[in-house]
Amino acid sequence: MRSRYYVREPHHAHFVTATIVAWLPVFTKTERCDIIVHALEYCRQHKGLQVHAWVVLDNHFHAILSAPDLSRVLADFKRHTAKRLIEQLQSERCDWLLKQFAHLRLRHKIESERQIWQEGSHPEALISDDMLMQKLEYLHNNPVQRGLVAAPEHWRYSSAHEFCEGAVPLLKCDPWR
């Protein structure tokens, strides 16, 4: 992992992005998106992760996260979700994606046959409330900007539901402070 991808402000929440290699459209089915949601919840319960906001799109996800060792949690998260996504794609017989992941694997990734995630998560420390609000707005409006929905709360795989009265979110978020 390159040094510019390290978490350098461990006491702050971070805006992170994880992107599928070559921006391939993986998260086009509920079962695949649920892998991300369940892994975030597992990391909350077992690895000290706090999830403050999140959104899953077809080829990447954004989140505002914090943890005592966020770099390690993210590495574990990506390793686990890659394995689960491969299993899911195999069960769906989605050979074209599996072949792409094998073809796009970086040569130094010798521990696996395929590569699902691009390297790094581009963590950006949110050191002010203004920064945090800007990233929260960007994250929740991403599906709107891409023309997928009319309003952030219409996107199922997003924490925007938490801000709607009476809505039941897929993944409950942790408070900011």
Protein backbone atom coordinates (compact mmCIF):
# COMPACT_ATOMS: atom_id res chain seq x y z
CA MET A 1 0.00 0.00 0.00
CA ARG A 2 1.38 3.39 -0.96
CA SER A 3 2.13 5.85 1.84
CA ARG A 4 -0.41 8.39 0.56
CA TYR A 5 -3.09 5.82 1.36
CA TYR A 6 -2.26 5.53 5.06
CA VAL A 7 -4.48 6.75 7.84
CA ARG A 8 -2.38 9.53 9.35
CA GLU A 9 -4.96 11.03 11.73
CA PRO A 10 -6.15 8.01 13.75
CA HIS A 11 -8.34 10.06 16.10
CA HIS A 12 -10.50 11.49 13.32
CA ALA A 13 -13.19 9.99 11.14
CA HIS A 14 -12.04 9.41 7.58
CA PHE A 15 -13.76 9.63 4.23
CA VAL A 16 -12.76 6.48 2.32
CA THR A 17 -13.42 5.17 -1.16
CA ALA A 18 -12.97 1.59 -2.29
CA THR A 19 -13.16 1.00 -6.02
CA ILE A 20 -13.52 -2.18 -8.05
CA VAL A 21 -10.63 -2.77 -10.48
CA ALA A 22 -11.23 -1.12 -13.86
CA TRP A 23 -14.46 0.29 -12.41
CA LEU A 24 -16.27 -2.93 -13.33
CA PRO A 25 -19.99 -3.01 -12.38
CA VAL A 26 -20.08 -5.52 -9.52
CA PHE A 27 -22.74 -4.11 -7.21
CA THR A 28 -25.65 -4.56 -9.60
CA LYS A 29 -27.44 -7.21 -7.55
CA THR A 30 -28.80 -7.16 -4.03
CA GLU A 31 -26.76 -10.20 -2.94
CA ARG A 32 -23.51 -8.48 -3.89
CA CYS A 33 -24.40 -5.20 -2.18
CA ASP A 34 -25.43 -7.10 0.92
CA ILE A 35 -21.90 -8.49 1.18
CA ILE A 36 -20.66 -4.94 1.78
CA VAL A 37 -23.41 -4.13 4.29
CA HIS A 38 -22.86 -7.36 6.27
CA ALA A 39 -19.07 -6.88 6.28
CA LEU A 40 -19.42 -3.32 7.60
CA GLU A 41 -21.73 -4.58 10.34
CA TYR A 42 -19.32 -7.40 11.22
CA CYS A 43 -16.43 -4.91 11.48
CA ARG A 44 -18.58 -2.72 13.73
CA GLN A 45 -19.31 -5.61 16.07
CA HIS A 46 -15.89 -7.29 16.09
CA LYS A 47 -13.19 -4.84 15.00
CA GLY A 48 -14.09 -1.52 16.61
CA LEU A 49 -15.22 0.11 13.36
CA GLN A 50 -17.59 3.03 13.57
CA VAL A 51 -19.66 3.63 10.46
CA HIS A 52 -20.83 7.24 10.31
CA ALA A 53 -22.15 7.28 6.71
CA TRP A 54 -21.91 5.05 3.63
CA VAL A 55 -23.11 4.45 0.09
CA VAL A 56 -22.60 1.54 -2.32
CA LEU A 57 -22.71 2.23 -6.06
CA ASP A 58 -22.23 -0.17 -8.97
CA ASN A 59 -18.42 -0.09 -8.96
CA HIS A 60 -17.31 1.54 -5.71
CA PHE A 61 -18.38 2.59 -2.28
CA HIS A 62 -17.76 5.63 -0.11
CA ALA A 63 -17.93 5.74 3.65
CA ILE A 64 -17.12 7.92 6.61
CA LEU A 65 -15.46 5.60 9.09
CA SER A 66 -13.35 5.59 12.23
CA ALA A 67 -11.56 2.87 14.16
CA PRO A 68 -8.54 2.55 16.45
CA ASP A 69 -6.65 0.86 13.57
CA LEU A 70 -8.64 1.91 10.52
CA SER A 71 -5.96 0.83 8.02
CA ARG A 72 -6.01 -2.74 9.35
CA VAL A 73 -9.81 -2.88 9.48
CA LEU A 74 -10.05 -1.67 5.87
CA ALA A 75 -7.48 -4.22 4.70
CA ASP A 76 -9.37 -7.02 6.46
CA PHE A 77 -12.68 -5.71 5.11
CA LYS A 78 -11.43 -5.64 1.51
CA ARG A 79 -9.84 -9.09 1.78
CA HIS A 80 -13.02 -10.60 3.22
CA THR A 81 -15.38 -8.90 0.78
CA ALA A 82 -13.19 -9.87 -2.18
CA LYS A 83 -13.40 -13.51 -1.15
CA ARG A 84 -17.16 -13.34 -0.61
CA LEU A 85 -17.73 -11.48 -3.91
CA ILE A 86 -15.77 -14.14 -5.80
CA GLU A 87 -17.87 -16.86 -4.14
CA GLN A 88 -21.06 -14.98 -5.04
CA LEU A 89 -19.99 -14.46 -8.65
CA GLN A 90 -19.08 -18.15 -8.92
CA SER A 91 -22.49 -19.16 -7.58
CA GLU A 92 -24.12 -16.86 -10.15
CA ARG A 93 -21.87 -18.27 -12.88
CA CYS A 94 -20.80 -14.74 -13.75
CA ASP A 95 -17.76 -15.94 -15.67
CA TRP A 96 -17.17 -12.73 -17.60
CA LEU A 97 -16.51 -10.78 -14.38
CA LEU A 98 -14.40 -13.56 -12.89
CA LYS A 99 -12.26 -13.64 -16.04
CA GLN A 100 -11.83 -9.88 -15.89
CA PHE A 101 -10.70 -10.06 -12.27
CA ALA A 102 -8.14 -12.72 -13.18
CA HIS A 103 -6.90 -10.73 -16.18
CA LEU A 104 -6.70 -7.43 -14.25
CA ARG A 105 -4.85 -8.87 -11.22
CA LEU A 106 -1.65 -6.95 -10.64
CA ARG A 107 1.44 -9.15 -11.01
CA HIS A 108 2.64 -8.57 -7.46
CA LYS A 109 -0.68 -9.91 -6.09
CA ILE A 110 0.65 -13.47 -5.98
CA GLU A 111 -1.48 -14.60 -3.03
CA SER A 112 -4.66 -14.74 -5.13
CA GLU A 113 -5.84 -15.62 -8.62
CA ARG A 114 -8.03 -12.54 -8.97
CA GLN A 115 -8.09 -8.93 -7.88
CA ILE A 116 -11.42 -7.35 -6.98
CA TRP A 117 -10.45 -4.04 -5.35
CA GLN A 118 -8.07 -1.36 -6.57
CA GLU A 119 -5.24 -0.77 -4.13
CA GLY A 120 -5.78 1.68 -1.29
CA SER A 121 -8.87 3.37 0.05
CA HIS A 122 -7.74 7.00 -0.24
CA PRO A 123 -8.50 7.89 3.40
CA GLU A 124 -9.06 11.57 4.01
CA ALA A 125 -9.15 12.75 7.62
CA LEU A 126 -12.20 14.86 8.41
CA ILE A 127 -10.66 17.39 10.75
CA SER A 128 -13.50 19.92 10.78
CA ASP A 129 -17.28 19.88 10.84
CA ASP A 130 -17.32 21.71 7.50
CA MET A 131 -15.19 18.99 5.90
CA LEU A 132 -17.36 16.30 7.39
CA MET A 133 -20.57 17.90 6.12
CA GLN A 134 -19.10 18.41 2.64
CA LYS A 135 -18.13 14.72 2.41
CA LEU A 136 -21.47 13.60 3.84
CA GLU A 137 -23.33 15.62 1.22
CA TYR A 138 -21.07 14.32 -1.56
CA LEU A 139 -21.46 10.71 -0.40
CA HIS A 140 -25.25 10.81 -0.13
CA ASN A 141 -25.72 12.76 -3.37
CA ASN A 142 -23.47 10.48 -5.42
CA PRO A 143 -26.38 8.32 -6.71
CA VAL A 144 -28.33 11.50 -7.54
CA GLN A 145 -25.40 13.03 -9.44
CA ARG A 146 -25.04 9.83 -11.43
CA GLY A 147 -28.71 10.02 -12.42
CA LEU A 148 -29.70 6.84 -10.59
CA VAL A 149 -32.33 8.36 -8.29
CA ALA A 150 -34.09 11.68 -7.78
CA ALA A 151 -33.23 12.03 -4.07
CA PRO A 152 -30.50 10.52 -1.84
CA GLU A 153 -32.99 8.67 0.37
CA HIS A 154 -34.30 6.79 -2.69
CA TRP A 155 -31.01 4.87 -2.99
CA ARG A 156 -31.36 1.62 -1.03
CA TYR A 157 -27.66 1.10 -0.33
CA SER A 158 -26.98 4.35 1.48
CA SER A 159 -27.10 5.78 4.96
CA ALA A 160 -29.26 8.65 3.65
CA HIS A 161 -32.23 6.67 5.02
CA GLU A 162 -31.12 7.46 8.56
CA PHE A 163 -32.14 11.07 8.03
CA CYS A 164 -35.69 10.19 6.95
CA GLU A 165 -38.41 10.03 9.55
CA GLY A 166 -39.70 6.50 10.08
CA ALA A 167 -37.23 4.85 7.71
CA VAL A 168 -35.51 1.62 8.69
CA PRO A 169 -31.90 1.70 7.50
CA LEU A 170 -30.05 -1.39 6.24
CA LEU A 171 -27.10 -0.49 8.44
CA LYS A 172 -27.47 1.78 11.44
CA CYS A 173 -24.79 4.43 11.61
CA ASP A 174 -22.75 5.47 14.61
CA PRO A 175 -22.94 9.03 15.98
CA TRP A 176 -20.21 11.49 14.94
CA ARG A 177 -18.88 12.13 18.41
